[in-house]
Amino acid sequence: MSPVLKSVLAWLFAEKNRTYDYRRFSADSDYIFEPSEDGKLACITSTRGLPKPGDLLLLPAGDGSVCYRILQLETYGDSPDLWTAQLERVVEGA
């Protein structure tokens, strides 16, 4: 098998990072979001979907939105739908 074909097949079957849009959810009932003072890092706890490290979350911010990448994710054995994650803000053009 050629290296090019191997590369294309690896790309096709690789797990892709997903983007989860939390702008339509309520911070009062669907998730708890705790940003750091400078907003570069944050923590979130939710029962909505189950993302994985590397996935992106779109969250409401004022009149717009902000994007965070999941760095680490933990689930709870007694409640597999409940998860918490450490996030890093994604800056456009970086």
N, C-alpha and C. Protein backbone atom coordinates (compact mmCIF):
# COMPACT_ATOMS: atom_id res chain seq x y z
N MET A 1 0.85 -1.17 0.00
CA MET A 1 0.00 0.00 0.00
C MET A 1 0.91 1.24 0.00
N SER A 2 0.55 2.21 -0.81
CA SER A 2 1.38 3.41 -0.94
C SER A 2 1.26 4.29 0.30
N PRO A 3 2.30 5.07 0.60
CA PRO A 3 2.24 5.98 1.75
C PRO A 3 1.11 7.00 1.63
N VAL A 4 0.83 7.44 0.41
CA VAL A 4 -0.26 8.41 0.22
C VAL A 4 -1.60 7.77 0.56
N LEU A 5 -1.82 6.56 0.10
CA LEU A 5 -3.07 5.85 0.39
C LEU A 5 -3.20 5.60 1.89
N LYS A 6 -2.12 5.21 2.54
CA LYS A 6 -2.13 5.02 4.00
C LYS A 6 -2.52 6.31 4.71
N SER A 7 -1.95 7.40 4.26
CA SER A 7 -2.24 8.70 4.87
C SER A 7 -3.71 9.07 4.70
N VAL A 8 -4.24 8.86 3.51
CA VAL A 8 -5.65 9.18 3.24
C VAL A 8 -6.57 8.29 4.08
N LEU A 9 -6.27 7.02 4.17
CA LEU A 9 -7.09 6.11 4.97
C LEU A 9 -7.03 6.46 6.45
N ALA A 10 -5.85 6.82 6.94
CA ALA A 10 -5.71 7.22 8.34
C ALA A 10 -6.55 8.46 8.61
N TRP A 11 -6.53 9.42 7.68
CA TRP A 11 -7.32 10.64 7.85
C TRP A 11 -8.81 10.33 7.85
N LEU A 12 -9.26 9.46 6.94
CA LEU A 12 -10.68 9.12 6.84
C LEU A 12 -11.22 8.44 8.09
N PHE A 13 -10.39 7.58 8.69
CA PHE A 13 -10.86 6.80 9.82
C PHE A 13 -10.43 7.34 11.18
N ALA A 14 -9.73 8.44 11.19
CA ALA A 14 -9.32 9.05 12.46
C ALA A 14 -10.53 9.65 13.16
N GLU A 15 -10.50 9.61 14.47
CA GLU A 15 -11.57 10.25 15.23
C GLU A 15 -11.46 11.76 15.07
N LYS A 16 -12.55 12.38 14.73
CA LYS A 16 -12.57 13.83 14.54
C LYS A 16 -13.03 14.51 15.83
N ASN A 17 -12.49 15.66 16.08
CA ASN A 17 -12.96 16.45 17.21
C ASN A 17 -14.29 17.07 16.83
N ARG A 18 -15.19 17.13 17.79
CA ARG A 18 -16.52 17.69 17.56
C ARG A 18 -16.63 19.04 18.24
N THR A 19 -17.61 19.81 17.80
CA THR A 19 -17.92 21.09 18.42
C THR A 19 -19.32 20.99 19.01
N TYR A 20 -19.44 21.33 20.28
CA TYR A 20 -20.71 21.31 20.99
C TYR A 20 -21.16 22.74 21.22
N ASP A 21 -22.38 23.06 20.81
CA ASP A 21 -22.91 24.42 20.93
C ASP A 21 -23.74 24.54 22.20
N TYR A 22 -23.17 25.17 23.21
CA TYR A 22 -23.85 25.36 24.48
C TYR A 22 -24.58 26.70 24.55
N ARG A 23 -24.58 27.46 23.46
CA ARG A 23 -25.24 28.76 23.46
C ARG A 23 -26.75 28.64 23.61
N ARG A 24 -27.30 27.50 23.28
CA ARG A 24 -28.75 27.32 23.37
C ARG A 24 -29.18 26.69 24.69
N PHE A 25 -28.21 26.32 25.53
CA PHE A 25 -28.52 25.73 26.82
C PHE A 25 -28.52 26.80 27.91
N SER A 26 -29.08 26.46 29.04
CA SER A 26 -29.19 27.39 30.17
C SER A 26 -28.08 27.12 31.19
N ALA A 27 -27.34 28.18 31.54
CA ALA A 27 -26.31 28.05 32.57
C ALA A 27 -26.95 27.81 33.94
N ASP A 28 -28.23 28.06 34.06
CA ASP A 28 -28.93 27.84 35.33
C ASP A 28 -29.30 26.37 35.55
N SER A 29 -29.52 25.62 34.46
CA SER A 29 -30.01 24.25 34.64
C SER A 29 -29.25 23.19 33.83
N ASP A 30 -28.51 23.57 32.80
CA ASP A 30 -27.86 22.58 31.95
C ASP A 30 -26.37 22.39 32.21
N TYR A 31 -25.72 23.40 32.75
CA TYR A 31 -24.28 23.30 33.01
C TYR A 31 -23.85 24.35 34.02
N ILE A 32 -22.69 24.12 34.60
CA ILE A 32 -22.06 25.09 35.50
C ILE A 32 -20.73 25.44 34.87
N PHE A 33 -20.52 26.72 34.62
CA PHE A 33 -19.30 27.20 33.96
C PHE A 33 -18.56 28.13 34.91
N GLU A 34 -17.27 27.84 35.11
CA GLU A 34 -16.46 28.64 36.02
C GLU A 34 -15.17 29.06 35.33
N PRO A 35 -15.12 30.28 34.78
CA PRO A 35 -13.90 30.75 34.11
C PRO A 35 -12.87 31.23 35.13
N SER A 36 -11.60 31.20 34.73
CA SER A 36 -10.54 31.79 35.56
C SER A 36 -10.67 33.31 35.46
N GLU A 37 -9.93 34.02 36.30
CA GLU A 37 -10.01 35.48 36.29
C GLU A 37 -9.70 36.08 34.94
N ASP A 38 -8.69 35.54 34.25
CA ASP A 38 -8.30 36.09 32.96
C ASP A 38 -9.10 35.49 31.79
N GLY A 39 -9.94 34.48 32.06
CA GLY A 39 -10.77 33.88 31.03
C GLY A 39 -10.05 32.91 30.11
N LYS A 40 -8.75 32.68 30.33
CA LYS A 40 -8.00 31.78 29.45
C LYS A 40 -8.28 30.31 29.75
N LEU A 41 -8.59 30.01 30.99
CA LEU A 41 -8.92 28.65 31.42
C LEU A 41 -10.29 28.66 32.06
N ALA A 42 -10.91 27.49 32.17
CA ALA A 42 -12.22 27.39 32.80
C ALA A 42 -12.49 25.94 33.17
N CYS A 43 -13.53 25.76 33.95
CA CYS A 43 -14.05 24.43 34.27
C CYS A 43 -15.54 24.44 33.92
N ILE A 44 -16.03 23.30 33.50
CA ILE A 44 -17.45 23.16 33.23
C ILE A 44 -17.90 21.81 33.76
N THR A 45 -19.13 21.77 34.27
CA THR A 45 -19.76 20.53 34.71
C THR A 45 -21.11 20.47 34.03
N SER A 46 -21.44 19.29 33.48
CA SER A 46 -22.68 19.18 32.72
C SER A 46 -23.15 17.74 32.64
N THR A 47 -24.37 17.58 32.17
CA THR A 47 -24.90 16.26 31.84
C THR A 47 -25.30 16.21 30.36
N ARG A 48 -24.97 17.24 29.62
CA ARG A 48 -25.32 17.34 28.20
C ARG A 48 -24.28 16.63 27.35
N GLY A 49 -24.67 15.59 26.64
CA GLY A 49 -23.75 14.88 25.76
C GLY A 49 -22.53 14.41 26.54
N LEU A 50 -21.61 13.77 25.89
CA LEU A 50 -20.35 13.40 26.53
C LEU A 50 -19.23 13.68 25.55
N PRO A 51 -18.62 14.85 25.67
CA PRO A 51 -17.52 15.18 24.77
C PRO A 51 -16.27 14.40 25.15
N LYS A 52 -15.19 14.65 24.43
CA LYS A 52 -13.91 14.03 24.74
C LYS A 52 -12.82 15.11 24.68
N PRO A 53 -11.68 14.84 25.27
CA PRO A 53 -10.59 15.82 25.19
C PRO A 53 -10.30 16.19 23.73
N GLY A 54 -10.08 17.46 23.49
CA GLY A 54 -9.84 17.96 22.14
C GLY A 54 -11.08 18.54 21.49
N ASP A 55 -12.27 18.13 21.96
CA ASP A 55 -13.50 18.69 21.42
C ASP A 55 -13.62 20.16 21.83
N LEU A 56 -14.46 20.89 21.10
CA LEU A 56 -14.67 22.31 21.35
C LEU A 56 -16.06 22.55 21.92
N LEU A 57 -16.16 23.56 22.79
CA LEU A 57 -17.45 23.99 23.33
C LEU A 57 -17.65 25.46 22.98
N LEU A 58 -18.79 25.78 22.39
CA LEU A 58 -19.18 27.17 22.16
C LEU A 58 -20.09 27.59 23.30
N LEU A 59 -19.71 28.65 23.99
CA LEU A 59 -20.46 29.12 25.14
C LEU A 59 -20.86 30.58 24.93
N PRO A 60 -22.03 30.97 25.48
CA PRO A 60 -22.43 32.37 25.35
C PRO A 60 -21.50 33.28 26.14
N ALA A 61 -21.27 34.48 25.60
CA ALA A 61 -20.44 35.49 26.28
C ALA A 61 -20.94 36.86 25.86
N GLY A 62 -21.66 37.53 26.73
CA GLY A 62 -22.21 38.84 26.39
C GLY A 62 -23.13 38.73 25.20
N ASP A 63 -22.88 39.54 24.17
CA ASP A 63 -23.70 39.51 22.96
C ASP A 63 -23.19 38.50 21.94
N GLY A 64 -22.09 37.81 22.23
CA GLY A 64 -21.50 36.87 21.28
C GLY A 64 -21.28 35.51 21.90
N SER A 65 -20.17 34.91 21.54
CA SER A 65 -19.84 33.60 22.08
C SER A 65 -18.32 33.48 22.22
N VAL A 66 -17.92 32.46 22.96
CA VAL A 66 -16.51 32.18 23.16
C VAL A 66 -16.32 30.67 22.97
N CYS A 67 -15.15 30.30 22.49
CA CYS A 67 -14.87 28.90 22.21
C CYS A 67 -13.77 28.39 23.14
N TYR A 68 -14.01 27.22 23.73
CA TYR A 68 -13.04 26.57 24.60
C TYR A 68 -12.77 25.16 24.10
N ARG A 69 -11.52 24.70 24.25
CA ARG A 69 -11.13 23.33 23.92
C ARG A 69 -11.03 22.54 25.22
N ILE A 70 -11.52 21.31 25.19
CA ILE A 70 -11.47 20.45 26.38
C ILE A 70 -10.05 19.89 26.52
N LEU A 71 -9.43 20.17 27.66
CA LEU A 71 -8.09 19.66 27.94
C LEU A 71 -8.17 18.31 28.65
N GLN A 72 -8.99 18.22 29.68
CA GLN A 72 -9.16 16.99 30.45
C GLN A 72 -10.64 16.83 30.78
N LEU A 73 -11.07 15.58 30.87
CA LEU A 73 -12.48 15.30 31.14
C LEU A 73 -12.57 14.17 32.15
N GLU A 74 -13.47 14.31 33.10
CA GLU A 74 -13.73 13.26 34.09
C GLU A 74 -15.22 12.95 34.12
N THR A 75 -15.53 11.67 34.22
CA THR A 75 -16.92 11.27 34.43
C THR A 75 -17.02 10.68 35.83
N TYR A 76 -18.24 10.53 36.30
CA TYR A 76 -18.47 10.01 37.64
C TYR A 76 -19.08 8.62 37.52
N GLY A 77 -18.44 7.64 38.18
CA GLY A 77 -18.87 6.25 38.09
C GLY A 77 -20.32 6.02 38.48
N ASP A 78 -20.79 6.72 39.51
CA ASP A 78 -22.15 6.52 39.96
C ASP A 78 -23.17 7.27 39.11
N SER A 79 -22.70 8.17 38.27
CA SER A 79 -23.57 8.93 37.37
C SER A 79 -22.83 9.16 36.05
N PRO A 80 -22.84 8.17 35.15
CA PRO A 80 -22.03 8.26 33.94
C PRO A 80 -22.39 9.42 33.01
N ASP A 81 -23.57 10.02 33.16
CA ASP A 81 -23.94 11.16 32.32
C ASP A 81 -23.36 12.47 32.85
N LEU A 82 -22.91 12.48 34.09
CA LEU A 82 -22.36 13.68 34.70
C LEU A 82 -20.86 13.72 34.45
N TRP A 83 -20.40 14.86 33.93
CA TRP A 83 -18.98 15.00 33.63
C TRP A 83 -18.51 16.41 33.97
N THR A 84 -17.22 16.53 34.17
CA THR A 84 -16.60 17.82 34.41
C THR A 84 -15.34 17.88 33.57
N ALA A 85 -15.00 19.09 33.11
CA ALA A 85 -13.85 19.22 32.22
C ALA A 85 -13.07 20.50 32.51
N GLN A 86 -11.77 20.41 32.26
CA GLN A 86 -10.91 21.59 32.27
C GLN A 86 -10.83 22.09 30.84
N LEU A 87 -10.96 23.40 30.67
CA LEU A 87 -11.03 24.01 29.35
C LEU A 87 -9.93 25.04 29.15
N GLU A 88 -9.58 25.25 27.89
CA GLU A 88 -8.64 26.30 27.50
C GLU A 88 -9.31 27.11 26.39
N ARG A 89 -9.31 28.44 26.56
CA ARG A 89 -9.94 29.30 25.57
C ARG A 89 -9.20 29.22 24.24
N VAL A 90 -9.95 29.13 23.16
CA VAL A 90 -9.40 29.10 21.82
C VAL A 90 -9.49 30.51 21.25
N VAL A 91 -8.36 31.03 20.83
CA VAL A 91 -8.30 32.38 20.28
C VAL A 91 -8.21 32.26 18.76
N GLU A 92 -9.09 32.96 18.05
CA GLU A 92 -9.08 32.91 16.59
C GLU A 92 -7.75 33.39 16.05
N GLY A 93 -7.26 32.69 15.04
CA GLY A 93 -6.02 33.08 14.39
C GLY A 93 -4.77 32.63 15.13
N ALA A 94 -4.96 31.93 16.25
CA ALA A 94 -3.79 31.47 17.01
C ALA A 94 -3.43 30.05 16.64
